[in-house]
Amino acid sequence: MHFYAGLLIAPLLFLAATTGLLYAGSWQAEKIVYSDELTVSRVGESALPLSAQVGAAKDAAPEGKVVSVWPGPDAEATTRVIMEKPGLPEGETLTVFVDPYTAEVRGQLATSGDALPLRAWLSEFHASLHLGEFGRNYSEMAASWMWVVALGGLALWIGRRRKRRAELVLPDRKLTGRRRTLSWHGAVGLWSVAGLLVLSITGLTWSKYAGENIGQLQDGLGGATPSVSAKLKPGGAAAGGRGHLPAVAGGEHAGHTMAPGEEMPPAAPTADIGIDKAVDAARAAGVTEELRITLPAKGKGYVIKEQDKQLPVHLDAVAVDPADGKVIDELRFADYPVLAKMTRFGIDLHMGRTFGLANQIALAALAVALMFLVFWGYRMWWLRRPTKDRKLSVGRAQPRGAWRKVPVAVLLPLAAVTAVVGWFVPLLGISLVAFLVIDVALGFVAGRRAKAAA
């Protein structure tokens, strides 16, 4: 398994490592490339009201519709005003960067989530090579096999006979040729295996096929990620009965007659306390770190969330009634299900957020290690190629008929577990079947040749 996967899947692993290395560096590159947009020219004594900053953004981009506002996380950061704008690709928004002290617009960029153009491009490059849905198969295939290759290599390396324990964790520089390459491959793989497993598992959580299965399993176990509810009652009032139903011209028989227990469809809020008072209400409720404010929409109030994902995380959220500034719902990260917390931490680790720069350096080191592991693996294969003096090319194969010698009590559970894993991680299952077909075909050809020779 380690050989087949290493030989046939390693190019995808190398590609994932290369694009992942670029993405790991994009966080710091983003700060350099977009320093004008991200930072203020001079830190002032006090920030202007958010409403004034939003007004400046509207003046700079009158064709955009403001949907959310992200105040700067520190004194030197600009405020981001996120807008929906006609003509932008799906999933992108226009972000206007405003100096919170002077309301000066520092720039405008098309963004994807919190990623500016450079990081957004590299993120998509890592995920799909910019080949759309088809391209996502490459990254899912790599994530599907990485844990198999890592655990298989770990088992092979630990199971080797060695004179000194130090040879397990450190490469032996006295060796030469293939044995030297194997020593480096095994030692670096041992140090990398835990990180590679984390990257594999977390990468699968948002893959196309396995990710859907993981999501369904997580939901079935009660581990779905909860969300704060900002839904208002009919007429624009929040839960609790505030507000009134609008009058219908011509009486109740004009148009639609309300049935007993039926509610009017939600309408846009008729009163709005404004973004500044909504933020004050959220801060009073304990939502204070790295805020992201979603403006009221039809039938909904303000949603104000924390997005500080570095440990210790701050991910609490509240919904605020735009009519009177009262909190209508709140969600604390401490109340998340355990599986939802694990998913959140795993994804942020994979993306390089949890520990900031240290996290990004660790990801870059893992990517470089994986690239070398692939290179050393192919080098060992090349050193065993057929020559005039040696026919061995791909290593010592497992003897034919070995499966028939496995006790049924072991073989059947193993086959069942393999089938379940192959169904749960479809690209792993499909490629595994392909490997088995290749192996059977090679065995058939070898058998025919042996009979012919006899």
Protein backbone atom coordinates (compact mmCIF):
# COMPACT_ATOMS: atom_id res chain seq x y z
CA MET A 1 0.00 0.00 0.00
CA HIS A 2 2.76 2.42 0.92
CA PHE A 3 4.57 1.64 -2.33
CA TYR A 4 1.56 1.90 -4.65
CA ALA A 5 0.28 5.07 -3.02
CA GLY A 6 3.76 6.56 -2.89
CA LEU A 7 4.37 5.81 -6.54
CA LEU A 8 1.00 6.82 -8.00
CA ILE A 9 -0.36 9.42 -5.55
CA ALA A 10 2.94 11.12 -4.66
CA PRO A 11 2.73 13.62 -7.57
CA LEU A 12 -0.56 14.92 -6.12
CA LEU A 13 0.98 15.07 -2.64
CA PHE A 14 3.93 17.03 -4.03
CA LEU A 15 1.58 19.41 -5.81
CA ALA A 16 -0.53 19.89 -2.67
CA ALA A 17 2.64 20.55 -0.65
CA THR A 18 3.90 23.11 -3.17
CA THR A 19 0.63 25.04 -3.33
CA GLY A 20 0.23 24.71 0.43
CA LEU A 21 3.68 26.21 0.95
CA LEU A 22 2.67 29.20 -1.15
CA TYR A 23 -0.56 29.59 0.82
CA ALA A 24 1.26 29.39 4.16
CA GLY A 25 3.38 32.35 3.08
CA SER A 26 0.43 34.32 1.75
CA TRP A 27 -0.59 35.61 5.20
CA GLN A 28 2.63 37.58 5.59
CA ALA A 29 2.83 38.47 1.90
CA GLU A 30 -0.66 39.94 2.15
CA LYS A 31 0.49 42.37 4.84
CA ILE A 32 3.31 43.60 2.59
CA VAL A 33 1.48 43.77 -0.73
CA TYR A 34 -1.62 45.47 0.70
CA SER A 35 -0.01 47.54 3.43
CA ASP A 36 -1.59 50.76 2.13
CA GLU A 37 -5.09 49.30 2.38
CA LEU A 38 -4.59 47.44 5.66
CA THR A 39 -2.88 50.11 7.77
CA VAL A 40 -3.53 53.75 8.63
CA SER A 41 -1.07 56.52 7.83
CA ARG A 42 -1.05 57.75 11.43
CA VAL A 43 -2.72 56.49 14.60
CA GLY A 44 -5.11 59.12 15.96
CA GLU A 45 -6.32 59.81 19.47
CA SER A 46 -9.80 58.37 18.94
CA ALA A 47 -11.72 56.65 16.16
CA LEU A 48 -14.67 58.21 14.40
CA PRO A 49 -18.11 56.60 14.75
CA LEU A 50 -18.57 53.58 12.51
CA SER A 51 -21.51 55.29 10.84
CA ALA A 52 -19.16 58.06 9.63
CA GLN A 53 -16.70 55.49 8.30
CA VAL A 54 -19.48 53.62 6.49
CA GLY A 55 -20.66 56.92 5.01
CA ALA A 56 -17.18 57.58 3.61
CA ALA A 57 -17.13 54.11 2.05
CA LYS A 58 -20.54 54.70 0.45
CA ASP A 59 -19.31 57.95 -1.04
CA ALA A 60 -16.28 56.15 -2.49
CA ALA A 61 -18.34 53.30 -3.95
CA PRO A 62 -21.92 54.54 -4.41
CA GLU A 63 -22.81 51.55 -6.62
CA GLY A 64 -22.19 49.09 -3.76
CA LYS A 65 -24.59 47.91 -1.07
CA VAL A 66 -23.08 47.69 2.42
CA VAL A 67 -23.65 44.26 3.98
CA SER A 68 -21.11 44.16 6.81
CA VAL A 69 -18.46 46.17 8.60
CA TRP A 70 -15.22 44.87 10.14
CA PRO A 71 -13.57 47.34 12.52
CA GLY A 72 -9.77 47.08 12.61
CA PRO A 73 -8.49 44.52 15.16
CA ASP A 74 -5.77 46.89 16.37
CA ALA A 75 -4.99 50.60 16.50
CA GLU A 76 -3.03 50.60 13.22
CA ALA A 77 -5.60 48.66 11.16
CA THR A 78 -8.18 50.15 8.82
CA THR A 79 -11.89 49.42 8.96
CA ARG A 80 -13.23 47.14 6.24
CA VAL A 81 -16.62 48.01 4.77
CA ILE A 82 -17.90 45.01 2.81
CA MET A 83 -20.23 45.67 -0.11
CA GLU A 84 -22.17 43.69 -2.65
CA LYS A 85 -21.49 45.14 -6.08
CA PRO A 86 -22.97 44.20 -9.47
CA GLY A 87 -20.53 42.59 -11.87
CA LEU A 88 -18.32 40.82 -9.34
CA PRO A 89 -17.83 37.04 -9.67
CA GLU A 90 -19.89 34.79 -7.41
CA GLY A 91 -18.43 34.60 -3.92
CA GLU A 92 -16.60 37.92 -4.17
CA THR A 93 -17.44 41.23 -2.53
CA LEU A 94 -16.04 44.74 -2.73
CA THR A 95 -14.09 45.79 0.35
CA VAL A 96 -13.50 49.47 1.01
CA PHE A 97 -10.71 50.21 3.48
CA VAL A 98 -11.34 53.27 5.65
CA ASP A 99 -9.00 55.07 8.06
CA PRO A 100 -10.97 54.98 11.34
CA TYR A 101 -9.41 58.25 12.55
CA THR A 102 -9.94 60.42 9.47
CA ALA A 103 -12.52 58.50 7.37
CA GLU A 104 -10.01 58.58 4.50
CA VAL A 105 -10.59 55.75 2.03
CA ARG A 106 -7.29 53.90 1.75
CA GLY A 107 -8.31 51.68 -1.14
CA GLN A 108 -10.82 49.26 -2.63
CA LEU A 109 -10.30 45.56 -3.41
CA ALA A 110 -12.41 42.64 -4.62
CA THR A 111 -12.17 40.08 -1.80
CA SER A 112 -13.29 36.55 -1.02
CA GLY A 113 -14.29 36.22 2.63
CA ASP A 114 -11.44 37.65 4.67
CA ALA A 115 -8.87 36.91 1.95
CA LEU A 116 -7.52 39.73 -0.18
CA PRO A 117 -6.83 39.01 -3.88
CA LEU A 118 -3.36 37.44 -3.44
CA ARG A 119 -4.34 35.03 -0.66
CA ALA A 120 -7.70 34.30 -2.31
CA TRP A 121 -5.92 33.34 -5.54
CA LEU A 122 -3.40 31.12 -3.74
CA SER A 123 -6.16 29.53 -1.64
CA GLU A 124 -8.08 28.54 -4.76
CA PHE A 125 -4.84 27.39 -6.39
CA HIS A 126 -4.18 25.08 -3.44
CA ALA A 127 -7.76 23.78 -3.39
CA SER A 128 -8.46 23.28 -7.10
CA LEU A 129 -5.56 24.58 -9.24
CA HIS A 130 -8.14 27.06 -10.60
CA LEU A 131 -9.79 24.22 -12.52
CA GLY A 132 -13.18 24.58 -10.84
CA GLU A 133 -15.03 21.63 -9.34
CA PHE A 134 -12.99 19.15 -11.36
CA GLY A 135 -9.78 20.54 -9.89
CA ARG A 136 -10.96 19.90 -6.34
CA ASN A 137 -10.54 16.17 -7.01
CA TYR A 138 -6.76 16.55 -6.92
CA SER A 139 -6.65 18.03 -3.42
CA GLU A 140 -9.25 15.57 -2.10
CA MET A 141 -7.31 12.65 -3.56
CA ALA A 142 -4.13 13.92 -1.90
CA ALA A 143 -5.86 14.39 1.46
CA SER A 144 -7.57 10.99 1.15
CA TRP A 145 -4.28 9.14 0.77
CA MET A 146 -1.93 11.23 2.90
CA TRP A 147 -2.94 9.56 6.16
CA VAL A 148 -2.61 6.10 4.60
CA VAL A 149 0.85 6.84 3.26
CA ALA A 150 1.93 8.46 6.55
CA LEU A 151 0.71 5.62 8.78
CA GLY A 152 2.02 2.96 6.41
CA GLY A 153 5.43 4.59 6.34
CA LEU A 154 5.42 4.93 10.13
CA ALA A 155 4.67 1.21 10.55
CA LEU A 156 7.41 0.24 8.10
CA TRP A 157 9.99 2.53 9.70
CA ILE A 158 9.27 1.46 13.30
CA GLY A 159 9.24 -2.20 12.27
CA ARG A 160 12.76 -2.09 10.80
CA ARG A 161 15.56 -3.80 12.67
CA ARG A 162 18.25 -1.38 13.78
CA LYS A 163 21.30 -1.55 16.04
CA ARG A 164 20.80 1.84 17.73
CA ARG A 165 17.59 3.59 18.77
CA ALA A 166 19.01 6.87 17.56
CA GLU A 167 18.65 5.56 14.00
CA LEU A 168 14.88 5.71 14.49
CA VAL A 169 14.71 9.47 14.95
CA LEU A 170 17.89 10.76 13.30
CA PRO A 171 19.24 10.05 9.81
CA ASP A 172 22.48 8.08 9.69
CA ARG A 173 24.99 10.19 7.77
CA LYS A 174 27.51 7.36 7.58
CA LEU A 175 25.37 5.39 5.15
CA THR A 176 25.61 5.72 1.39
CA GLY A 177 23.38 5.20 -1.62
CA ARG A 178 19.85 3.95 -1.20
CA ARG A 179 20.30 3.19 2.52
CA ARG A 180 21.28 6.81 3.19
CA THR A 181 18.23 8.05 1.29
CA LEU A 182 16.01 5.63 3.22
CA SER A 183 17.47 6.88 6.50
CA TRP A 184 16.55 10.48 5.70
CA HIS A 185 13.15 9.48 4.31
CA GLY A 186 12.27 7.51 7.44
CA ALA A 187 13.57 9.97 10.04
CA VAL A 188 11.98 13.05 8.48
CA GLY A 189 8.77 11.10 7.92
CA LEU A 190 8.72 10.13 11.60
CA TRP A 191 9.00 13.76 12.70
CA SER A 192 6.36 14.84 10.17
CA VAL A 193 3.74 12.12 10.59
CA ALA A 194 1.61 13.85 13.26
CA GLY A 195 1.37 17.07 11.26
CA LEU A 196 0.62 15.21 8.04
CA LEU A 197 -2.22 13.33 9.75
CA VAL A 198 -3.73 16.61 10.99
CA LEU A 199 -3.48 18.16 7.52
CA SER A 200 -5.05 15.08 5.94
CA ILE A 201 -8.00 14.89 8.34
CA THR A 202 -8.72 18.62 8.39
CA GLY A 203 -8.34 18.85 4.61
CA LEU A 204 -11.02 16.19 4.20
CA THR A 205 -13.49 18.14 6.36
CA TRP A 206 -14.18 20.63 3.56
CA SER A 207 -13.54 18.37 0.57
CA LYS A 208 -16.34 17.73 -1.91
CA TYR A 209 -17.25 14.08 -1.33
CA ALA A 210 -15.66 13.01 1.94
CA GLY A 211 -16.48 16.42 3.40
CA GLU A 212 -20.18 15.89 2.76
CA ASN A 213 -20.05 12.53 4.53
CA ILE A 214 -18.13 14.03 7.44
CA GLY A 215 -20.70 16.81 7.70
CA GLN A 216 -23.60 14.37 7.77
CA LEU A 217 -21.87 12.26 10.40
CA GLN A 218 -21.12 15.32 12.49
CA ASP A 219 -24.74 16.48 12.28
CA GLY A 220 -25.99 13.01 13.15
CA LEU A 221 -23.80 12.97 16.26
CA GLY A 222 -25.13 16.35 17.36
CA GLY A 223 -21.91 18.17 16.55
CA ALA A 224 -23.17 20.65 13.94
CA THR A 225 -21.81 24.17 14.27
CA PRO A 226 -24.58 26.36 15.76
CA SER A 227 -25.40 29.88 14.61
CA VAL A 228 -26.97 32.89 16.25
CA SER A 229 -30.52 33.73 15.13
CA ALA A 230 -31.28 37.30 14.11
CA LYS A 231 -34.80 36.60 12.87
CA LEU A 232 -37.32 39.33 13.63
CA LYS A 233 -41.02 38.87 14.16
CA PRO A 234 -43.40 39.95 11.37
CA GLY A 235 -43.44 43.66 10.79
CA GLY A 236 -39.79 44.09 11.71
CA ALA A 237 -40.04 43.55 15.45
CA ALA A 238 -37.86 41.08 17.23
CA ALA A 239 -38.92 38.14 19.35
CA GLY A 240 -40.99 39.45 22.19
CA GLY A 241 -43.73 41.09 20.15
CA ARG A 242 -42.25 44.56 19.60
CA GLY A 243 -43.58 46.54 16.64
CA HIS A 244 -46.88 46.28 14.80
CA LEU A 245 -48.27 44.76 11.65
CA PRO A 246 -48.63 47.17 8.75
CA ALA A 247 -52.14 48.16 7.72
CA VAL A 248 -53.46 46.64 4.52
CA ALA A 249 -55.18 49.06 2.19
CA GLY A 250 -58.84 48.23 1.59
CA GLY A 251 -59.31 46.14 4.73
CA GLU A 252 -58.60 42.48 5.37
CA HIS A 253 -60.51 41.31 2.29
CA ALA A 254 -58.29 43.30 -0.06
CA GLY A 255 -55.75 40.81 -1.31
CA HIS A 256 -54.97 38.13 1.29
CA THR A 257 -57.06 37.24 4.33
CA MET A 258 -55.02 36.19 7.38
CA ALA A 259 -55.92 32.72 8.60
CA PRO A 260 -55.96 31.98 12.34
CA GLY A 261 -52.36 31.54 13.58
CA GLU A 262 -50.84 32.72 10.28
CA GLU A 263 -48.10 35.34 10.38
CA MET A 264 -47.33 38.16 8.00
CA PRO A 265 -44.20 37.66 5.93
CA PRO A 266 -41.10 39.33 7.35
CA ALA A 267 -40.50 42.91 6.37
CA ALA A 268 -37.50 45.14 6.55
CA PRO A 269 -37.06 46.87 9.94
CA THR A 270 -38.84 50.22 10.01
CA ALA A 271 -36.61 51.62 12.78
CA ASP A 272 -32.86 51.41 13.14
CA ILE A 273 -30.80 52.54 16.12
CA GLY A 274 -27.70 52.60 13.92
CA ILE A 275 -24.53 50.58 13.80
CA ASP A 276 -22.77 52.39 16.64
CA LYS A 277 -25.50 51.72 19.20
CA ALA A 278 -25.79 48.13 17.98
CA VAL A 279 -22.06 47.63 18.62
CA ASP A 280 -22.41 49.23 22.05
CA ALA A 281 -25.15 46.71 22.87
CA ALA A 282 -22.93 43.84 21.71
CA ARG A 283 -19.98 45.05 23.76
CA ALA A 284 -22.21 45.34 26.80
CA ALA A 285 -23.13 41.67 26.22
CA GLY A 286 -19.44 40.67 26.23
CA VAL A 287 -18.80 40.53 22.47
CA THR A 288 -15.72 42.70 22.17
CA GLU A 289 -12.84 41.08 20.23
CA GLU A 290 -12.21 41.53 16.48
CA LEU A 291 -15.82 42.28 15.59
CA ARG A 292 -17.64 41.61 12.35
CA ILE A 293 -20.96 43.37 12.05
CA THR A 294 -23.60 42.18 9.59
CA LEU A 295 -26.16 44.89 8.88
CA PRO A 296 -29.91 44.24 9.16
CA ALA A 297 -31.55 42.58 6.18
CA LYS A 298 -35.17 41.77 5.43
CA GLY A 299 -36.67 40.19 8.53
CA LYS A 300 -33.36 40.17 10.43
CA GLY A 301 -31.50 42.32 12.92
CA TYR A 302 -27.84 43.07 13.41
CA VAL A 303 -25.49 40.10 13.81
CA ILE A 304 -22.27 40.96 15.63
CA LYS A 305 -19.64 38.23 15.89
CA GLU A 306 -16.17 37.86 17.28
CA GLN A 307 -13.62 36.47 14.83
CA ASP A 308 -10.45 36.25 16.93
CA LYS A 309 -9.36 32.71 16.07
CA GLN A 310 -5.96 32.74 17.73
CA LEU A 311 -5.72 30.99 21.08
CA PRO A 312 -7.46 31.79 23.32
CA VAL A 313 -10.24 32.11 20.74
CA HIS A 314 -13.03 34.68 20.94
CA LEU A 315 -15.94 33.51 18.79
CA ASP A 316 -19.03 34.65 20.70
CA ALA A 317 -21.92 36.22 18.79
CA VAL A 318 -25.10 38.19 19.47
CA ALA A 319 -28.06 39.41 17.44
CA VAL A 320 -29.37 42.91 18.16
CA ASP A 321 -32.85 44.28 17.50
CA PRO A 322 -32.43 47.33 15.24
CA ALA A 323 -35.58 48.88 16.72
CA ASP A 324 -34.44 49.24 20.32
CA GLY A 325 -30.91 47.79 20.61
CA LYS A 326 -31.90 44.82 22.77
CA VAL A 327 -30.06 41.51 22.37
CA ILE A 328 -32.50 39.03 20.85
CA ASP A 329 -30.17 36.02 20.73
CA GLU A 330 -26.65 35.14 21.81
CA LEU A 331 -24.24 32.30 21.19
CA ARG A 332 -21.13 31.55 23.22
CA PHE A 333 -18.26 29.51 21.83
CA ALA A 334 -18.13 27.69 25.16
CA ASP A 335 -21.58 26.28 24.34
CA TYR A 336 -20.49 24.79 20.99
CA PRO A 337 -20.68 20.97 20.78
CA VAL A 338 -17.30 19.30 21.19
CA LEU A 339 -17.22 18.16 17.56
CA ALA A 340 -17.97 21.68 16.35
CA LYS A 341 -15.10 23.02 18.46
CA MET A 342 -12.73 20.37 17.13
CA THR A 343 -13.74 21.17 13.55
CA ARG A 344 -13.18 24.88 14.15
CA PHE A 345 -9.74 24.35 15.69
CA GLY A 346 -8.75 21.86 12.99
CA ILE A 347 -9.69 24.11 10.08
CA ASP A 348 -7.93 27.10 11.61
CA LEU A 349 -4.80 25.02 12.23
CA HIS A 350 -4.87 23.88 8.60
CA MET A 351 -5.20 27.49 7.41
CA GLY A 352 -2.47 28.85 9.68
CA ARG A 353 -4.63 30.98 11.97
CA THR A 354 -4.61 29.36 15.40
CA PHE A 355 -1.04 30.27 16.40
CA GLY A 356 -0.46 33.06 13.91
CA LEU A 357 3.06 33.29 12.48
CA ALA A 358 4.25 30.20 14.37
CA ASN A 359 1.38 28.21 12.82
CA GLN A 360 2.30 29.44 9.34
CA ILE A 361 5.97 28.56 9.81
CA ALA A 362 4.99 25.05 10.96
CA LEU A 363 2.79 24.60 7.89
CA ALA A 364 5.61 25.74 5.62
CA ALA A 365 8.03 23.31 7.31
CA LEU A 366 5.55 20.44 6.86
CA ALA A 367 5.10 21.33 3.19
CA VAL A 368 8.86 21.34 2.59
CA ALA A 369 9.24 18.05 4.51
CA LEU A 370 6.53 16.41 2.38
CA MET A 371 8.20 17.60 -0.81
CA PHE A 372 11.50 16.05 0.31
CA LEU A 373 9.76 12.82 1.36
CA VAL A 374 8.29 12.48 -2.12
CA PHE A 375 11.66 13.24 -3.71
CA TRP A 376 13.47 10.69 -1.52
CA GLY A 377 10.77 8.10 -2.23
CA TYR A 378 11.21 8.42 -5.98
CA ARG A 379 14.99 8.44 -5.58
CA MET A 380 14.86 5.11 -3.73
CA TRP A 381 12.68 3.71 -6.50
CA TRP A 382 15.19 4.95 -9.10
CA LEU A 383 18.14 3.43 -7.24
CA ARG A 384 16.41 0.03 -7.47
CA ARG A 385 15.83 0.32 -11.21
CA PRO A 386 16.87 -2.55 -13.50
CA THR A 387 20.51 -2.41 -14.62
CA LYS A 388 22.89 -4.79 -16.34
CA ASP A 389 23.87 -6.18 -12.96
CA ARG A 390 20.48 -6.15 -11.26
CA LYS A 391 16.94 -7.04 -12.34
CA LEU A 392 15.14 -5.84 -9.20
CA SER A 393 13.22 -2.68 -10.04
CA VAL A 394 10.39 -1.99 -7.63
CA GLY A 395 11.41 -3.70 -4.41
CA ARG A 396 10.48 -7.04 -2.93
CA ALA A 397 6.87 -7.80 -3.76
CA GLN A 398 4.55 -9.55 -1.32
CA PRO A 399 4.36 -13.24 -2.38
CA ARG A 400 1.33 -14.16 -4.46
CA GLY A 401 -1.40 -15.88 -2.47
CA ALA A 402 -0.45 -14.11 0.77
CA TRP A 403 -4.06 -13.03 1.39
CA ARG A 404 -5.22 -16.66 1.37
CA LYS A 405 -2.93 -17.33 4.33
CA VAL A 406 -4.57 -14.62 6.48
CA PRO A 407 -7.00 -16.10 9.04
CA VAL A 408 -10.65 -15.49 8.14
CA ALA A 409 -11.22 -13.94 11.57
CA VAL A 410 -8.74 -11.22 10.60
CA LEU A 411 -9.46 -10.98 6.87
CA LEU A 412 -13.22 -10.39 7.08
CA PRO A 413 -13.11 -7.54 9.65
CA LEU A 414 -10.23 -5.98 7.74
CA ALA A 415 -12.18 -6.17 4.48
CA ALA A 416 -15.27 -4.71 6.18
CA VAL A 417 -13.34 -1.78 7.68
CA THR A 418 -11.65 -1.13 4.34
CA ALA A 419 -15.02 -1.10 2.56
CA VAL A 420 -16.51 1.33 5.08
CA VAL A 421 -13.51 3.66 4.85
CA GLY A 422 -13.58 3.44 1.07
CA TRP A 423 -17.26 4.38 1.03
CA PHE A 424 -16.80 7.20 3.55
CA VAL A 425 -13.78 8.60 1.67
CA PRO A 426 -14.88 7.90 -1.93
CA LEU A 427 -11.76 8.95 -3.84
CA LEU A 428 -9.69 6.72 -1.58
CA GLY A 429 -12.05 3.81 -2.22
CA ILE A 430 -12.14 4.29 -6.00
CA SER A 431 -8.36 4.59 -6.34
CA LEU A 432 -7.85 1.63 -3.98
CA VAL A 433 -10.00 -0.54 -6.25
CA ALA A 434 -7.90 0.68 -9.19
CA PHE A 435 -4.71 -0.33 -7.36
CA LEU A 436 -6.13 -3.79 -6.64
CA VAL A 437 -7.11 -4.23 -10.29
CA ILE A 438 -3.58 -3.29 -11.33
CA ASP A 439 -2.12 -5.72 -8.81
CA VAL A 440 -4.37 -8.57 -9.97
CA ALA A 441 -3.52 -7.83 -13.59
CA LEU A 442 0.21 -7.87 -12.81
CA GLY A 443 -0.23 -11.16 -10.96
CA PHE A 444 -2.11 -12.66 -13.91
CA VAL A 445 0.61 -11.59 -16.35
CA ALA A 446 3.34 -12.93 -14.07
CA GLY A 447 1.50 -16.25 -13.77
CA ARG A 448 1.14 -16.59 -17.54
CA ARG A 449 4.84 -15.88 -18.01
CA ALA A 450 5.79 -18.43 -15.37
CA LYS A 451 3.68 -21.09 -17.07
CA ALA A 452 5.16 -20.23 -20.45
CA ALA A 453 8.67 -20.44 -19.06
CA ALA A 454 7.90 -23.82 -17.47
